[in-house]
Protein backbone atom coordinates (compact mmCIF):
# COMPACT_ATOMS: atom_id res chain seq x y z
CA UNK A 1 22.31 -65.95 12.58
CA UNK A 2 25.14 -65.84 10.47
CA UNK A 3 24.19 -66.32 6.80
CA UNK A 4 27.23 -68.34 6.02
CA UNK A 5 26.54 -70.72 8.81
CA UNK A 6 22.57 -70.88 7.76
CA UNK A 7 21.71 -74.50 6.93
CA UNK A 8 19.28 -72.82 4.15
CA UNK A 9 22.63 -71.79 2.45
CA UNK A 10 24.53 -74.96 2.76
CA UNK A 11 26.25 -75.67 -0.51
CA UNK A 12 26.70 -72.22 -1.97
CA UNK A 13 30.11 -71.03 -2.29
CA UNK A 14 31.26 -67.54 -1.90
CA UNK A 15 32.06 -65.43 -5.33
CA UNK A 16 35.76 -65.57 -5.95
CA UNK A 17 35.79 -62.07 -7.20
CA UNK A 18 32.72 -59.41 -6.11
CA UNK A 19 29.93 -59.37 -8.35
CA UNK A 20 28.73 -55.70 -8.54
CA UNK A 21 25.65 -53.80 -8.48
CA UNK A 22 26.68 -51.94 -11.80
CA UNK A 23 30.37 -51.19 -12.33
CA UNK A 24 32.32 -49.72 -15.36
CA UNK A 25 32.95 -52.14 -18.36
CA UNK A 26 36.06 -51.04 -20.66
CA UNK A 27 36.82 -52.04 -24.12
CA UNK A 28 40.05 -50.46 -25.20
CA UNK A 29 38.89 -47.70 -27.26
CA UNK A 30 38.95 -45.47 -24.23
CA UNK A 31 42.72 -45.73 -23.88
CA UNK A 32 43.18 -44.80 -27.45
CA UNK A 33 41.45 -41.31 -26.86
CA UNK A 34 42.97 -40.35 -23.46
CA UNK A 35 46.39 -41.28 -25.12
CA UNK A 36 45.46 -38.89 -27.74
CA UNK A 37 44.59 -36.20 -25.37
CA UNK A 38 47.75 -36.61 -23.12
CA UNK A 39 49.69 -36.80 -26.25
CA UNK A 40 48.58 -33.62 -27.87
CA UNK A 41 48.41 -32.26 -24.37
CA UNK A 42 44.81 -31.26 -24.64
CA UNK A 43 43.94 -32.30 -21.27
CA UNK A 44 42.07 -29.45 -19.95
CA UNK A 45 38.19 -28.33 -20.74
CA UNK A 46 38.74 -28.15 -24.49
CA UNK A 47 39.62 -30.50 -27.21
CA UNK A 48 38.50 -32.88 -29.84
CA UNK A 49 37.31 -35.54 -27.55
CA UNK A 50 34.70 -33.17 -26.24
CA UNK A 51 33.81 -32.00 -29.54
CA UNK A 52 33.45 -35.75 -30.96
CA UNK A 53 31.58 -36.99 -27.72
CA UNK A 54 29.02 -34.33 -28.28
CA UNK A 55 28.54 -35.05 -31.86
CA UNK A 56 28.20 -38.61 -30.95
CA UNK A 57 25.83 -38.42 -28.04
CA UNK A 58 23.42 -35.86 -30.03
CA UNK A 59 23.31 -38.18 -33.01
CA UNK A 60 22.61 -41.36 -30.90
CA UNK A 61 19.59 -39.23 -29.00
CA UNK A 62 18.55 -37.63 -32.44
CA UNK A 63 18.74 -34.15 -30.90
CA UNK A 64 20.56 -31.46 -32.45
CA UNK A 65 22.84 -30.41 -29.34
CA UNK A 66 24.62 -32.01 -26.38
CA UNK A 67 26.79 -29.98 -24.04
CA UNK A 68 29.39 -31.84 -22.08
CA UNK A 69 29.73 -31.13 -18.54
CA UNK A 70 31.51 -32.10 -15.33
CA UNK A 71 28.85 -34.42 -13.92
CA UNK A 72 25.34 -35.07 -14.63
CA UNK A 73 24.63 -33.11 -11.36
CA UNK A 74 26.19 -30.31 -12.98
CA UNK A 75 23.86 -30.62 -15.96
CA UNK A 76 20.81 -30.73 -13.79
CA UNK A 77 21.70 -27.49 -11.96
CA UNK A 78 22.20 -25.63 -15.26
CA UNK A 79 19.10 -27.13 -17.08
CA UNK A 80 17.41 -25.98 -13.60
CA UNK A 81 18.88 -22.55 -13.59
CA UNK A 82 17.86 -22.05 -17.41
CA UNK A 83 14.63 -23.42 -17.18
CA UNK A 84 14.05 -20.71 -14.17
CA UNK A 85 15.38 -17.76 -16.16
CA UNK A 86 12.82 -18.92 -19.23
CA UNK A 87 10.02 -19.00 -16.78
CA UNK A 88 10.97 -15.93 -14.41
CA UNK A 89 14.05 -13.96 -15.99
CA UNK A 90 17.21 -13.61 -15.01
CA UNK A 91 17.52 -13.69 -11.03
CA UNK A 92 18.92 -10.32 -9.19
CA UNK A 93 22.41 -10.97 -8.07
CA UNK A 94 22.92 -13.31 -4.91
CA UNK A 95 19.53 -15.16 -5.82
CA UNK A 96 18.67 -18.18 -7.88
CA UNK A 97 16.17 -18.10 -10.77
CA UNK A 98 13.49 -19.98 -8.78
CA UNK A 99 13.57 -17.73 -5.63
CA UNK A 100 10.48 -18.74 -3.64
CA UNK A 101 8.79 -20.59 -6.57
CA UNK A 102 7.59 -24.10 -6.17
CA UNK A 103 8.66 -26.85 -8.48
CA UNK A 104 7.15 -30.30 -8.94
CA UNK A 105 9.78 -33.02 -8.45
CA UNK A 106 9.75 -36.87 -8.57
CA UNK A 107 9.55 -38.44 -5.11
CA UNK A 108 11.36 -41.62 -5.91
CA UNK A 109 14.72 -40.78 -6.99
CA UNK A 110 18.24 -39.86 -6.22
CA UNK A 111 18.79 -36.60 -4.30
CA UNK A 112 20.54 -35.07 -7.36
CA UNK A 113 17.64 -34.83 -9.09
CA UNK A 114 15.99 -32.50 -6.53
CA UNK A 115 19.36 -30.76 -5.02
CA UNK A 116 19.36 -28.12 -7.88
CA UNK A 117 15.93 -26.89 -7.35
CA UNK A 118 17.33 -26.19 -3.70
CA UNK A 119 20.71 -24.57 -5.18
CA UNK A 120 18.17 -22.00 -7.44
CA UNK A 121 16.12 -21.12 -4.19
CA UNK A 122 13.12 -23.26 -5.42
CA UNK A 123 10.71 -24.84 -2.96
CA UNK A 124 10.46 -28.64 -4.17
CA UNK A 125 7.10 -30.15 -3.85
CA UNK A 126 7.26 -34.41 -4.26
CA UNK A 127 5.04 -36.09 -6.45
CA UNK A 128 4.00 -39.62 -5.57
CA UNK A 129 5.05 -42.61 -7.51
CA UNK A 130 2.63 -44.80 -9.75
CA UNK A 131 2.76 -48.68 -9.60
CA UNK A 132 2.78 -48.90 -13.12
CA UNK A 133 6.26 -47.74 -14.08
CA UNK A 134 7.67 -46.33 -10.28
CA UNK A 135 7.96 -43.20 -11.75
CA UNK A 136 6.14 -39.79 -11.35
CA UNK A 137 2.19 -40.27 -11.17
CA UNK A 138 0.28 -38.51 -13.95
CA UNK A 139 -2.77 -38.58 -11.52
CA UNK A 140 -0.85 -36.84 -8.80
CA UNK A 141 0.69 -34.29 -10.76
CA UNK A 142 -2.55 -33.08 -11.83
CA UNK A 143 -3.63 -33.04 -8.09
CA UNK A 144 -0.55 -31.01 -7.53
CA UNK A 145 -1.32 -28.41 -9.99
CA UNK A 146 -4.83 -28.10 -8.50
CA UNK A 147 -3.56 -27.25 -5.44
CA UNK A 148 -0.65 -25.37 -6.72
CA UNK A 149 -2.09 -24.00 -9.93
CA UNK A 150 0.93 -21.39 -10.30
CA UNK A 151 3.57 -23.99 -10.37
CA UNK A 152 5.50 -24.00 -13.70
CA UNK A 153 8.29 -26.23 -13.53
CA UNK A 154 8.47 -30.07 -13.29
CA UNK A 155 11.61 -31.94 -12.66
CA UNK A 156 11.11 -35.70 -13.32
CA UNK A 157 13.35 -38.91 -13.47
CA UNK A 158 13.06 -42.12 -15.27
CA UNK A 159 13.81 -44.50 -12.67
CA UNK A 160 16.37 -47.34 -13.06
CA UNK A 161 15.84 -46.80 -16.60
CA UNK A 162 12.32 -47.01 -16.93
CA UNK A 163 10.34 -44.36 -19.08
CA UNK A 164 7.69 -42.11 -17.38
CA UNK A 165 4.54 -41.93 -18.53
CA UNK A 166 5.61 -38.89 -21.05
CA UNK A 167 2.73 -38.49 -23.01
CA UNK A 168 0.52 -38.10 -20.01
CA UNK A 169 2.98 -35.64 -18.35
CA UNK A 170 3.42 -33.37 -21.37
CA UNK A 171 -0.18 -33.17 -21.76
CA UNK A 172 -0.32 -31.81 -18.10
CA UNK A 173 2.37 -29.73 -18.32
CA UNK A 174 1.19 -27.91 -21.45
CA UNK A 175 -2.30 -27.71 -20.04
CA UNK A 176 -0.38 -25.27 -16.88
CA UNK A 177 2.05 -23.73 -19.23
CA UNK A 178 4.95 -25.67 -17.40
CA UNK A 179 8.19 -26.83 -18.43
CA UNK A 180 9.95 -30.19 -18.13
CA UNK A 181 13.30 -30.82 -17.08
CA UNK A 182 13.98 -34.47 -17.74
CA UNK A 183 16.44 -35.98 -15.55
CA UNK A 184 17.79 -39.23 -17.90
CA UNK A 185 20.70 -39.94 -15.63
CA UNK A 186 19.68 -43.55 -15.34
CA UNK A 187 17.86 -44.06 -18.53
CA UNK A 188 20.33 -43.69 -21.48
CA UNK A 189 19.06 -45.45 -24.19
CA UNK A 190 15.84 -45.93 -22.93
CA UNK A 191 12.90 -45.44 -25.65
CA UNK A 192 9.44 -43.78 -25.19
CA UNK A 193 7.04 -44.44 -28.28
CA UNK A 194 10.20 -44.32 -30.46
CA UNK A 195 11.98 -41.36 -28.58
CA UNK A 196 15.07 -41.53 -26.72
CA UNK A 197 14.63 -40.45 -22.94
CA UNK A 198 16.41 -37.23 -22.41
CA UNK A 199 14.58 -35.62 -25.74
CA UNK A 200 11.06 -35.75 -24.51
CA UNK A 201 11.23 -32.80 -21.97
CA UNK A 202 12.09 -29.15 -22.38
CA UNK A 203 15.49 -29.67 -21.61
CA UNK A 204 17.60 -33.21 -20.97
CA UNK A 205 19.96 -34.59 -18.60
CA UNK A 206 22.35 -37.93 -18.78
CA UNK A 207 24.99 -39.02 -16.73
CA UNK A 208 28.16 -40.86 -17.48
CA UNK A 209 28.86 -41.57 -13.35
CA UNK A 210 30.90 -45.02 -12.95
CA UNK A 211 28.19 -47.18 -12.28
CA UNK A 212 25.83 -45.78 -15.23
CA UNK A 213 25.25 -47.58 -18.74
CA UNK A 214 28.10 -46.30 -20.36
CA UNK A 215 30.94 -44.01 -18.43
CA UNK A 216 33.51 -41.40 -18.39
CA UNK A 217 34.17 -42.05 -14.63
CA UNK A 218 32.27 -39.17 -14.01
CA UNK A 219 30.74 -36.58 -16.47
CA UNK A 220 27.41 -35.53 -17.81
CA UNK A 221 25.57 -34.06 -20.56
CA UNK A 222 22.50 -31.71 -21.09
CA UNK A 223 20.80 -32.09 -24.31
CA UNK A 224 18.42 -29.70 -26.01
CA UNK A 225 16.96 -28.43 -29.44
CA UNK A 226 17.51 -24.82 -29.28
CA UNK A 227 21.05 -23.35 -30.29
CA UNK A 228 20.45 -20.46 -28.07
CA UNK A 229 20.18 -22.66 -25.12
CA UNK A 230 23.18 -24.58 -25.70
CA UNK A 231 25.03 -21.76 -25.92
CA UNK A 232 23.98 -20.26 -22.59
CA UNK A 233 24.82 -23.72 -21.21
CA UNK A 234 28.36 -23.43 -22.69
CA UNK A 235 28.95 -20.13 -21.25
CA UNK A 236 27.44 -20.50 -17.90
CA UNK A 237 29.97 -23.93 -17.29
CA UNK A 238 33.01 -22.00 -18.42
CA UNK A 239 32.85 -19.16 -15.49
CA UNK A 240 30.55 -17.02 -18.03
CA UNK A 241 33.62 -15.34 -19.50
CA UNK A 242 32.36 -12.98 -22.15
CA UNK A 243 33.79 -12.53 -25.57
CA UNK A 244 36.53 -10.03 -24.61
CA UNK A 245 40.60 -10.05 -24.95
CA UNK A 246 40.55 -10.17 -21.05
CA UNK A 247 38.24 -11.76 -18.50
CA UNK A 248 35.28 -10.28 -18.34
CA UNK A 249 32.17 -11.79 -16.51
CA UNK A 250 28.88 -9.92 -16.48
CA UNK A 251 26.86 -12.74 -14.82
CA UNK A 252 27.39 -15.71 -12.46
CA UNK A 253 29.16 -18.73 -13.76
CA UNK A 254 30.33 -22.08 -12.72
CA UNK A 255 33.33 -24.36 -13.43
CA UNK A 256 31.44 -27.23 -15.07
CA UNK A 257 32.85 -28.30 -18.35
CA UNK A 258 33.85 -31.74 -18.84
CA UNK A 259 37.50 -32.21 -19.45
CA UNK A 260 39.18 -33.59 -22.50
CA UNK A 261 40.06 -36.94 -20.81
CA UNK A 262 37.09 -37.71 -19.18
CA UNK A 263 35.52 -37.14 -23.08
CA UNK A 264 37.94 -39.63 -24.23
CA UNK A 265 36.60 -42.43 -21.95
CA UNK A 266 32.77 -41.45 -22.88
CA UNK A 267 34.03 -41.21 -26.70
CA UNK A 268 35.21 -44.94 -26.30
CA UNK A 269 32.29 -45.94 -24.79
CA UNK A 270 29.55 -44.46 -26.91
CA UNK A 271 30.14 -47.19 -30.03
CA UNK A 272 29.47 -49.95 -27.19
CA UNK A 273 26.12 -48.79 -25.77
CA UNK A 274 24.03 -50.82 -27.91
CA UNK A 275 26.01 -53.82 -26.78
CA UNK A 276 25.39 -52.64 -22.68
CA UNK A 277 21.97 -52.16 -23.80
CA UNK A 278 21.62 -55.76 -25.11
CA UNK A 279 23.18 -57.10 -21.92
CA UNK A 280 21.58 -55.28 -19.41
CA UNK A 281 18.35 -56.76 -21.12
CA UNK A 282 19.49 -60.30 -20.98
CA UNK A 283 20.14 -59.81 -17.01
CA UNK A 284 16.72 -58.64 -16.63
CA UNK A 285 15.07 -61.45 -18.62
CA UNK A 286 17.31 -64.01 -16.84
CA UNK A 287 16.11 -62.57 -13.67
CA UNK A 288 12.28 -62.80 -14.64
CA UNK A 289 12.69 -66.03 -15.63
CA UNK A 290 14.79 -67.38 -12.77
CA UNK A 291 12.76 -65.92 -9.86
CA UNK A 292 9.15 -66.78 -11.62
CA UNK A 293 8.25 -69.50 -8.91
CA UNK A 294 8.78 -66.88 -6.10
CA UNK A 295 6.36 -64.56 -4.77
CA UNK A 296 7.99 -61.41 -6.41
CA UNK A 297 8.19 -59.19 -9.32
CA UNK A 298 10.41 -57.03 -11.13
CA UNK A 299 10.24 -53.48 -11.81
CA UNK A 300 7.62 -52.95 -13.97
CA UNK A 301 7.44 -50.84 -17.22
CA UNK A 302 4.58 -49.54 -20.17
CA UNK A 303 5.52 -52.66 -22.48
CA UNK A 304 2.87 -51.12 -24.92
CA UNK A 305 5.03 -47.64 -25.52
CA UNK A 306 8.45 -47.90 -23.90
CA UNK A 307 11.45 -50.06 -23.79
CA UNK A 308 13.87 -49.42 -20.61
CA UNK A 309 17.53 -49.54 -20.72
CA UNK A 310 17.27 -51.95 -17.73
CA UNK A 311 20.18 -50.35 -16.17
CA UNK A 312 19.24 -52.01 -12.39
CA UNK A 313 16.88 -54.74 -12.05
CA UNK A 314 14.92 -54.58 -9.11
CA UNK A 315 13.06 -56.89 -7.13
CA UNK A 316 9.55 -56.37 -5.07
CA UNK A 317 8.39 -58.89 -2.48
CA UNK A 318 4.68 -59.57 -2.71
CA UNK A 319 3.04 -58.05 0.54
CA UNK A 320 2.03 -61.40 1.90
CA UNK A 321 5.29 -63.06 1.59
CA UNK A 322 7.09 -60.18 3.38
CA UNK A 323 8.75 -61.42 6.72
CA UNK A 324 8.86 -58.84 9.62
CA UNK A 325 11.22 -55.84 8.72
CA UNK A 326 11.59 -52.42 9.90
CA UNK A 327 13.98 -49.65 9.30
CA UNK A 328 14.94 -46.75 11.20
CA UNK A 329 16.70 -43.79 9.90
CA UNK A 330 20.09 -45.81 10.02
CA UNK A 331 19.35 -49.26 10.95
CA UNK A 332 17.32 -52.01 9.88
CA UNK A 333 15.94 -55.18 11.84
CA UNK A 334 14.18 -58.47 10.28
CA UNK A 335 13.03 -61.78 11.15
CA UNK A 336 13.48 -64.99 9.07
CA UNK A 337 10.03 -66.72 8.53
CA UNK A 338 9.99 -69.72 6.48
CA UNK A 339 8.59 -69.26 3.24
CA UNK A 340 8.82 -65.22 3.63
CA UNK A 341 11.74 -62.94 3.23
CA UNK A 342 12.54 -59.26 3.48
CA UNK A 343 14.96 -56.78 1.60
CA UNK A 344 17.18 -56.41 4.55
CA UNK A 345 17.89 -60.38 4.58
CA UNK A 346 18.19 -60.66 0.95
CA UNK A 347 20.51 -57.97 0.52
CA UNK A 348 22.42 -59.18 3.67
CA UNK A 349 22.60 -62.91 2.18
CA UNK A 350 23.86 -61.58 -1.31
CA UNK A 351 26.59 -59.75 0.75
CA UNK A 352 27.82 -62.51 2.51
CA UNK A 353 28.42 -64.45 -0.62
CA UNK A 354 30.39 -61.78 -2.27
CA UNK A 355 27.60 -59.80 -4.36
CA UNK A 356 26.48 -56.28 -4.19
CA UNK A 357 22.76 -55.50 -3.91
CA UNK A 358 21.28 -51.81 -2.84
CA UNK A 359 17.88 -50.69 -1.23
CA UNK A 360 15.41 -48.82 -3.46
CA UNK A 361 15.98 -45.20 -3.63
CA UNK A 362 14.27 -44.03 -0.34
CA UNK A 363 11.55 -41.52 -1.14
CA UNK A 364 12.57 -37.78 -0.98
CA UNK A 365 9.70 -36.93 1.29
CA UNK A 366 10.85 -39.25 3.87
CA UNK A 367 14.46 -37.89 3.62
CA UNK A 368 15.28 -35.93 6.73
CA UNK A 369 16.49 -32.94 5.13
CA UNK A 370 13.04 -32.59 2.89
CA UNK A 371 10.67 -33.60 5.09
CA UNK A 372 9.35 -29.98 5.60
CA UNK A 373 8.73 -29.98 1.93
CA UNK A 374 5.01 -30.62 0.15
CA UNK A 375 4.26 -34.19 -0.77
CA UNK A 376 1.20 -34.72 -3.14
CA UNK A 377 -0.33 -38.05 -3.82
CA UNK A 378 -3.18 -38.61 -6.13
CA UNK A 379 -5.64 -38.38 -3.30
CA UNK A 380 -4.08 -34.95 -2.03
CA UNK A 381 -1.42 -33.64 0.20
CA UNK A 382 0.47 -36.43 1.90
CA UNK A 383 3.08 -36.48 4.97
CA UNK A 384 6.73 -36.47 5.06
CA UNK A 385 7.10 -37.25 8.89
CA UNK A 386 7.31 -41.02 9.28
CA UNK A 387 10.41 -41.91 10.73
CA UNK A 388 10.25 -45.85 10.92
CA UNK A 389 9.04 -47.77 7.89
CA UNK A 390 7.20 -51.24 8.46
CA UNK A 391 6.95 -53.09 5.59
CA UNK A 392 3.40 -53.50 4.23
CA UNK A 393 2.03 -50.81 6.40
CA UNK A 394 3.03 -48.13 4.02
CA UNK A 395 -0.15 -46.35 2.36
CA UNK A 396 1.98 -43.93 -0.08
CA UNK A 397 3.04 -46.01 -3.19
CA UNK A 398 7.00 -44.74 -3.02
CA UNK A 399 7.09 -45.53 0.86
CA UNK A 400 5.56 -48.99 -0.12
CA UNK A 401 7.99 -50.00 -2.88
CA UNK A 402 10.94 -48.78 -0.63
CA UNK A 403 9.50 -51.05 2.02
CA UNK A 404 9.41 -54.01 -0.09
CA UNK A 405 11.99 -53.72 -2.70
CA UNK A 406 15.61 -53.80 -3.66
CA UNK A 407 17.71 -53.81 -6.46
CA UNK A 408 19.83 -56.82 -7.57
CA UNK A 409 23.29 -57.14 -8.96
CA UNK A 410 23.28 -56.15 -12.61
CA UNK A 411 26.55 -55.57 -13.76
CA UNK A 412 27.50 -56.16 -17.58
CA UNK A 413 30.41 -58.48 -16.54
CA UNK A 414 28.17 -60.62 -14.38
CA UNK A 415 28.32 -64.39 -15.94
CA UNK A 416 25.56 -66.60 -16.30
CA UNK A 417 26.76 -68.98 -13.65
CA UNK A 418 27.14 -66.10 -11.20
CA UNK A 419 23.65 -64.91 -12.09
CA UNK A 420 22.56 -68.48 -11.45
CA UNK A 421 23.76 -68.13 -8.06
CA UNK A 422 22.23 -65.04 -7.02
CA UNK A 423 18.97 -66.28 -8.07
CA UNK A 424 19.78 -69.75 -5.89
CA UNK A 425 20.42 -67.35 -3.27
CA UNK A 426 17.39 -65.72 -3.44
CA UNK A 427 15.52 -68.65 -3.53
CA UNK A 428 17.21 -69.90 -0.25
CA UNK A 429 16.05 -66.96 1.61
CA UNK A 430 12.38 -68.03 1.17
CA UNK A 431 12.84 -71.37 2.63
């Protein structure tokens, strides 16, 4: 049945303008710094905006060094490469620093968290998710080290802006002499025990992609505490050019430096980060109150030790309230049942009225490209060959969250009236 003609949704009007999942919010200061870059002709990968943005971000995070790069993925790649070099030494020509080495990676995250491991020749082993934070499960990580005790690198992500349980993960890493690359692309401004995410591992990465809590339209940064590490990253990001009068290259390099124009947008956005954080939390709390009477929960966090940045608010339907719902690799099918609903039905309803939602990240161990890689739960080696996902039938934590969860519209610019309509649409789905 067409959602717009479904009697359950009678009286709801389509949004006049689309309500986005998370879109950029410009404030005007960005234009000043972009114009200055153009007027002074500093439009390439050097300039005052880059220096200022690096200094501002390092100060906000309370960390000595921030290196501005072309994207969060570029920052992750260089972080993984540097970690591999620290652990195993420089790679021979034509090889990555992790060639043939296992790396423990968060399972529930965007593929960009893991792809750099493959760029460097590493073999990802995916670590299952815990229900308490939807992040890497420390118990599963401990089990992974039991199975693969020679592994010495962990790449973890703070999902949807919620911090991992870093004390437990750090303790496990230290016991096994492992380094941590911290993917804080989604969690800029989130805090764990008084410290900013991105500063809790050995190397940290943040992103300024267009949908992040602040943006440069693109861009990212690598953050670290060691000057030698920062200098190494800067050199690699500018094609590893040596300090010579001519172009001298003695090792592999990349064209990964941020442009001064993008840095101008970032520079104008940084002062508004506290405002964005407060707005995102307001959105989360309004959803929590408005959906409290439904058989659903929102993405959780360790409320004793952390505060997320609430980048995206996510909804998880209780198992007993799931209507029949199945996904294949590229399609999905659901049935409407009174008193129940499913991610597919809710997302279709939101889209019909002009609001953007999104499925939860599909766990990496279920991705076709990665199904041959290892996958570890707290009870041991898991599986990665499932081709269909029937809600409520999944025993793996990440797969279960994927089968029952979705991301709600969480845009800064969404009005309270628009959010109330989104909440009402979700209620109608359970009629």
